């Protein structure tokens, strides 16, 4: 079986946001898959996806703090500045974290670890909504 869904995520402030529930609700056929894969792809160059700690919100704060320090706004060597001081850092952060995830599906559930959740990593200060393409395959 192959299914594909477009997931429209509401605009978020810059930071790391758990979206596991939104993904699960957008792919109802997941419950029918015994063995398979869910591929997620974000259609943007200034936001990314990752999997990390889903329980302690301090992790999301610390992830944002690290990436903001590692790739700061207003670096003097950035040439791409017409779209704002946060745009080029957003592109770099997206390249570091990546636009896609592939998650195993087992017995009708995502085979995530106990403390793992899916994150939308929003790298712009004032971003709009985001679109994720979810492709499910399995049997």
C-alpha atoms as a PDB file:
ATOM      1  CA  UNK A   1       0.000   0.000   0.000  1.00  0.00           C
ATOM      2  CA  UNK A   2       1.134   3.510  -0.820  1.00  0.00           C
ATOM      3  CA  UNK A   3      -0.576   6.636   0.562  1.00  0.00           C
ATOM      4  CA  UNK A   4       0.469  10.267   0.447  1.00  0.00           C
ATOM      5  CA  UNK A   5      -0.847  13.216   2.437  1.00  0.00           C
ATOM      6  CA  UNK A   6      -0.078  16.925   2.553  1.00  0.00           C
ATOM      7  CA  UNK A   7       0.196  18.163   6.144  1.00  0.00           C
ATOM      8  CA  UNK A   8      -0.322  21.909   6.562  1.00  0.00           C
ATOM      9  CA  UNK A   9       1.249  23.104   9.794  1.00  0.00           C
ATOM     10  CA  UNK A  10       0.204  26.400  11.361  1.00  0.00           C
ATOM     11  CA  UNK A  11       2.782  29.179  11.530  1.00  0.00           C
ATOM     12  CA  UNK A  12       5.095  28.873  14.533  1.00  0.00           C
ATOM     13  CA  UNK A  13       7.599  31.167  16.157  1.00  0.00           C
ATOM     14  CA  UNK A  14      11.283  30.379  15.705  1.00  0.00           C
ATOM     15  CA  UNK A  15      12.162  27.258  17.663  1.00  0.00           C
ATOM     16  CA  UNK A  16      11.683  23.515  17.882  1.00  0.00           C
ATOM     17  CA  UNK A  17       8.065  22.319  17.967  1.00  0.00           C
ATOM     18  CA  UNK A  18       6.709  18.807  18.516  1.00  0.00           C
ATOM     19  CA  UNK A  19       4.455  17.795  15.617  1.00  0.00           C
ATOM     20  CA  UNK A  20       4.085  14.059  16.256  1.00  0.00           C
ATOM     21  CA  UNK A  21       0.340  14.366  16.955  1.00  0.00           C
ATOM     22  CA  UNK A  22      -0.276  16.378  13.775  1.00  0.00           C
ATOM     23  CA  UNK A  23       1.591  13.793  11.728  1.00  0.00           C
ATOM     24  CA  UNK A  24      -0.310  10.877  13.281  1.00  0.00           C
ATOM     25  CA  UNK A  25      -3.697  12.510  12.743  1.00  0.00           C
ATOM     26  CA  UNK A  26      -2.863  13.278   9.103  1.00  0.00           C
ATOM     27  CA  UNK A  27      -1.990   9.651   8.260  1.00  0.00           C
ATOM     28  CA  UNK A  28      -4.919   7.524   9.493  1.00  0.00           C
ATOM     29  CA  UNK A  29      -3.878   4.521   7.366  1.00  0.00           C
ATOM     30  CA  UNK A  30      -0.846   4.061   9.610  1.00  0.00           C
ATOM     31  CA  UNK A  31      -2.906   1.843  11.920  1.00  0.00           C
ATOM     32  CA  UNK A  32      -3.357  -0.668   9.071  1.00  0.00           C
ATOM     33  CA  UNK A  33       0.378  -1.125   8.394  1.00  0.00           C
ATOM     34  CA  UNK A  34       2.148  -4.043  10.068  1.00  0.00           C
ATOM     35  CA  UNK A  35       5.563  -3.366   8.503  1.00  0.00           C
ATOM     36  CA  UNK A  36       6.442  -0.236   6.577  1.00  0.00           C
ATOM     37  CA  UNK A  37       7.970   3.214   6.405  1.00  0.00           C
ATOM     38  CA  UNK A  38       6.689   6.755   6.807  1.00  0.00           C
ATOM     39  CA  UNK A  39       8.680   9.334   4.897  1.00  0.00           C
ATOM     40  CA  UNK A  40       8.243  13.016   5.815  1.00  0.00           C
ATOM     41  CA  UNK A  41       9.541  15.837   3.612  1.00  0.00           C
ATOM     42  CA  UNK A  42       9.190  19.547   4.412  1.00  0.00           C
ATOM     43  CA  UNK A  43       8.786  21.732   1.325  1.00  0.00           C
ATOM     44  CA  UNK A  44      10.781  24.690   2.595  1.00  0.00           C
ATOM     45  CA  UNK A  45      14.388  25.889   2.673  1.00  0.00           C
ATOM     46  CA  UNK A  46      14.206  27.684   6.015  1.00  0.00           C
ATOM     47  CA  UNK A  47      12.629  24.995   8.216  1.00  0.00           C
ATOM     48  CA  UNK A  48      13.635  21.407   8.869  1.00  0.00           C
ATOM     49  CA  UNK A  49      12.599  18.168  10.544  1.00  0.00           C
ATOM     50  CA  UNK A  50      14.306  16.100  13.213  1.00  0.00           C
ATOM     51  CA  UNK A  51      13.586  13.511  15.888  1.00  0.00           C
ATOM     52  CA  UNK A  52      14.538  14.150  19.483  1.00  0.00           C
ATOM     53  CA  UNK A  53      13.396  14.229  23.127  1.00  0.00           C
ATOM     54  CA  UNK A  54       9.611  14.546  23.438  1.00  0.00           C
ATOM     55  CA  UNK A  55       9.171  14.969  27.198  1.00  0.00           C
ATOM     56  CA  UNK A  56      11.267  17.795  28.634  1.00  0.00           C
ATOM     57  CA  UNK A  57      10.614  21.197  26.973  1.00  0.00           C
ATOM     58  CA  UNK A  58      14.073  22.331  28.087  1.00  0.00           C
ATOM     59  CA  UNK A  59      15.484  20.195  25.255  1.00  0.00           C
ATOM     60  CA  UNK A  60      13.585  22.246  22.668  1.00  0.00           C
ATOM     61  CA  UNK A  61      14.825  25.453  24.280  1.00  0.00           C
ATOM     62  CA  UNK A  62      18.410  24.208  24.367  1.00  0.00           C
ATOM     63  CA  UNK A  63      18.272  23.056  20.734  1.00  0.00           C
ATOM     64  CA  UNK A  64      17.184  26.532  19.654  1.00  0.00           C
ATOM     65  CA  UNK A  65      19.840  28.174  21.835  1.00  0.00           C
ATOM     66  CA  UNK A  66      22.583  25.986  20.365  1.00  0.00           C
ATOM     67  CA  UNK A  67      21.629  26.544  16.732  1.00  0.00           C
ATOM     68  CA  UNK A  68      21.168  30.299  17.252  1.00  0.00           C
ATOM     69  CA  UNK A  69      24.667  30.477  18.715  1.00  0.00           C
ATOM     70  CA  UNK A  70      26.242  28.184  16.108  1.00  0.00           C
ATOM     71  CA  UNK A  71      24.678  30.030  13.144  1.00  0.00           C
ATOM     72  CA  UNK A  72      24.076  33.625  14.289  1.00  0.00           C
ATOM     73  CA  UNK A  73      22.127  36.324  12.518  1.00  0.00           C
ATOM     74  CA  UNK A  74      24.000  39.309  11.060  1.00  0.00           C
ATOM     75  CA  UNK A  75      27.256  37.443  10.457  1.00  0.00           C
ATOM     76  CA  UNK A  76      29.452  39.853   8.483  1.00  0.00           C
ATOM     77  CA  UNK A  77      30.260  37.243   5.808  1.00  0.00           C
ATOM     78  CA  UNK A  78      26.614  36.608   4.756  1.00  0.00           C
ATOM     79  CA  UNK A  79      25.821  38.047   1.317  1.00  0.00           C
ATOM     80  CA  UNK A  80      22.241  36.716   1.123  1.00  0.00           C
ATOM     81  CA  UNK A  81      20.523  39.325   3.316  1.00  0.00           C
ATOM     82  CA  UNK A  82      17.692  40.761   1.192  1.00  0.00           C
ATOM     83  CA  UNK A  83      15.070  38.556   2.897  1.00  0.00           C
ATOM     84  CA  UNK A  84      16.128  39.511   6.418  1.00  0.00           C
ATOM     85  CA  UNK A  85      18.918  38.794   8.854  1.00  0.00           C
ATOM     86  CA  UNK A  86      17.369  35.445   9.833  1.00  0.00           C
ATOM     87  CA  UNK A  87      17.081  34.050   6.292  1.00  0.00           C
ATOM     88  CA  UNK A  88      20.628  32.879   5.536  1.00  0.00           C
ATOM     89  CA  UNK A  89      21.065  31.366   9.008  1.00  0.00           C
ATOM     90  CA  UNK A  90      17.744  29.561   8.420  1.00  0.00           C
ATOM     91  CA  UNK A  91      19.057  28.055   5.174  1.00  0.00           C
ATOM     92  CA  UNK A  92      22.226  26.821   6.899  1.00  0.00           C
ATOM     93  CA  UNK A  93      20.287  25.334   9.838  1.00  0.00           C
ATOM     94  CA  UNK A  94      17.964  23.568   7.386  1.00  0.00           C
ATOM     95  CA  UNK A  95      20.957  22.078   5.578  1.00  0.00           C
ATOM     96  CA  UNK A  96      22.466  20.904   8.871  1.00  0.00           C
ATOM     97  CA  UNK A  97      19.286  19.271  10.177  1.00  0.00           C
ATOM     98  CA  UNK A  98      17.733  18.256   6.865  1.00  0.00           C
ATOM     99  CA  UNK A  99      14.337  18.447   5.153  1.00  0.00           C
ATOM    100  CA  UNK A 100      13.296  14.813   5.599  1.00  0.00           C
ATOM    101  CA  UNK A 101      12.806  11.884   7.960  1.00  0.00           C
ATOM    102  CA  UNK A 102      12.116   8.201   7.369  1.00  0.00           C
ATOM    103  CA  UNK A 103      10.511   6.411  10.314  1.00  0.00           C
ATOM    104  CA  UNK A 104       9.825   2.669  10.535  1.00  0.00           C
ATOM    105  CA  UNK A 105       6.228   1.570  11.047  1.00  0.00           C
ATOM    106  CA  UNK A 106       5.598  -1.554  13.105  1.00  0.00           C
ATOM    107  CA  UNK A 107       2.246  -3.082  14.046  1.00  0.00           C
ATOM    108  CA  UNK A 108       0.269   0.036  13.160  1.00  0.00           C
ATOM    109  CA  UNK A 109       2.502   2.490  15.036  1.00  0.00           C
ATOM    110  CA  UNK A 110       5.545   4.624  14.410  1.00  0.00           C
ATOM    111  CA  UNK A 111       8.536   2.708  15.765  1.00  0.00           C
ATOM    112  CA  UNK A 112       9.846   5.697  17.701  1.00  0.00           C
ATOM    113  CA  UNK A 113      11.687   5.212  20.970  1.00  0.00           C
ATOM    114  CA  UNK A 114       9.965   5.938  24.272  1.00  0.00           C
ATOM    115  CA  UNK A 115      11.263   9.509  24.503  1.00  0.00           C
ATOM    116  CA  UNK A 116      11.324  10.375  20.792  1.00  0.00           C
ATOM    117  CA  UNK A 117       9.092  12.863  19.014  1.00  0.00           C
ATOM    118  CA  UNK A 118       8.996  14.504  15.597  1.00  0.00           C
ATOM    119  CA  UNK A 119      10.042  18.152  15.548  1.00  0.00           C
ATOM    120  CA  UNK A 120       9.312  20.980  13.169  1.00  0.00           C
ATOM    121  CA  UNK A 121      12.456  23.092  13.401  1.00  0.00           C
ATOM    122  CA  UNK A 122      11.353  26.625  12.540  1.00  0.00           C
ATOM    123  CA  UNK A 123      14.377  28.766  11.716  1.00  0.00           C
ATOM    124  CA  UNK A 124      12.712  32.050  10.679  1.00  0.00           C
ATOM    125  CA  UNK A 125      11.662  34.747  13.140  1.00  0.00           C
ATOM    126  CA  UNK A 126       8.311  35.380  11.408  1.00  0.00           C
ATOM    127  CA  UNK A 127       7.569  32.345   9.256  1.00  0.00           C
ATOM    128  CA  UNK A 128       4.300  31.410   7.661  1.00  0.00           C
ATOM    129  CA  UNK A 129       2.608  28.051   7.617  1.00  0.00           C
ATOM    130  CA  UNK A 130       4.676  25.027   6.605  1.00  0.00           C
ATOM    131  CA  UNK A 131       3.848  22.058   4.398  1.00  0.00           C
ATOM    132  CA  UNK A 132       5.065  18.511   4.981  1.00  0.00           C
ATOM    133  CA  UNK A 133       4.492  15.713   2.485  1.00  0.00           C
ATOM    134  CA  UNK A 134       3.905  12.377   4.266  1.00  0.00           C
ATOM    135  CA  UNK A 135       4.385   9.233   2.172  1.00  0.00           C
ATOM    136  CA  UNK A 136       3.408   5.939   3.774  1.00  0.00           C
ATOM    137  CA  UNK A 137       4.194   2.536   2.346  1.00  0.00           C
ATOM    138  CA  UNK A 138       3.973  -0.940   3.770  1.00  0.00           C
ATOM    139  CA  UNK A 139       1.787  -3.967   4.238  1.00  0.00           C
END
